[in-house]
């Protein structure tokens, strides 16, 4: 999928966001995880997706670390 933001980039932002949400859902179902203390870390595009996810879902994400 061609990105409208970066024409030369074959980035699929919705797919990346879905994978992050799937991971959050799995963590929230894990009894050894405190669901109100989930943090994200990302590098480059991962940092963009992490900060975007946290900005759009502040009640789900406790912290974001960008590298």
Protein backbone atom coordinates (compact mmCIF):
# COMPACT_ATOMS: atom_id res chain seq x y z
CA UNK A 1 0.00 0.00 0.00
CA UNK A 2 1.46 3.37 -1.01
CA UNK A 3 1.51 5.96 1.75
CA UNK A 4 -0.18 9.29 1.05
CA UNK A 5 2.17 10.92 3.58
CA UNK A 6 5.37 9.48 2.10
CA UNK A 7 4.78 8.56 -1.58
CA UNK A 8 7.82 6.28 -1.81
CA UNK A 9 6.92 4.34 1.35
CA UNK A 10 5.04 1.06 1.18
CA UNK A 11 3.65 1.48 4.68
CA UNK A 12 0.42 -0.05 5.87
CA UNK A 13 -0.43 2.03 8.94
CA UNK A 14 -3.83 0.39 9.59
CA UNK A 15 -2.22 -3.06 9.63
CA UNK A 16 0.48 -1.88 12.06
CA UNK A 17 -2.12 -0.28 14.31
CA UNK A 18 -4.22 -3.46 14.27
CA UNK A 19 -1.20 -5.53 15.33
CA UNK A 20 -0.56 -3.15 18.23
CA UNK A 21 -4.20 -3.35 19.33
CA UNK A 22 -4.14 -7.15 19.01
CA UNK A 23 -1.08 -7.20 21.26
CA UNK A 24 -2.73 -4.91 23.80
CA UNK A 25 -5.84 -7.12 23.79
CA UNK A 26 -3.68 -10.20 24.41
CA UNK A 27 -1.83 -8.48 27.27
CA UNK A 28 -5.10 -7.40 28.88
CA UNK A 29 -6.27 -11.03 28.88
CA UNK A 30 -3.05 -12.26 30.51
CA UNK A 31 -3.63 -12.66 34.28
CA UNK A 32 0.02 -11.85 35.07
CA UNK A 33 -0.25 -8.40 33.43
CA UNK A 34 -1.75 -5.36 35.11
CA UNK A 35 -3.95 -4.07 32.25
CA UNK A 36 -3.75 -0.47 33.45
CA UNK A 37 0.08 -0.49 33.25
CA UNK A 38 0.76 -1.29 29.59
CA UNK A 39 3.52 0.70 27.89
CA UNK A 40 4.70 0.83 24.28
CA UNK A 41 8.18 1.22 22.85
CA UNK A 42 8.98 1.90 19.25
CA UNK A 43 11.77 2.78 16.89
CA UNK A 44 11.24 4.81 13.72
CA UNK A 45 7.84 3.80 12.27
CA UNK A 46 7.18 1.80 15.43
CA UNK A 47 7.66 4.97 17.49
CA UNK A 48 5.18 6.77 15.26
CA UNK A 49 2.63 3.98 15.67
CA UNK A 50 3.25 3.79 19.43
CA UNK A 51 2.73 7.52 19.97
CA UNK A 52 -0.30 7.55 17.65
CA UNK A 53 -1.88 4.61 19.48
CA UNK A 54 -1.28 6.23 22.86
CA UNK A 55 -2.63 9.60 21.71
CA UNK A 56 -5.81 8.01 20.38
CA UNK A 57 -6.23 5.61 23.34
CA UNK A 58 -4.89 7.36 26.46
CA UNK A 59 -6.82 5.07 28.82
CA UNK A 60 -5.11 1.97 27.36
CA UNK A 61 -1.47 3.10 27.37
CA UNK A 62 0.39 4.13 30.52
CA UNK A 63 3.66 5.23 28.87
CA UNK A 64 5.34 5.53 25.48
CA UNK A 65 9.08 5.26 24.97
CA UNK A 66 10.49 6.49 21.66
CA UNK A 67 13.90 5.37 20.45
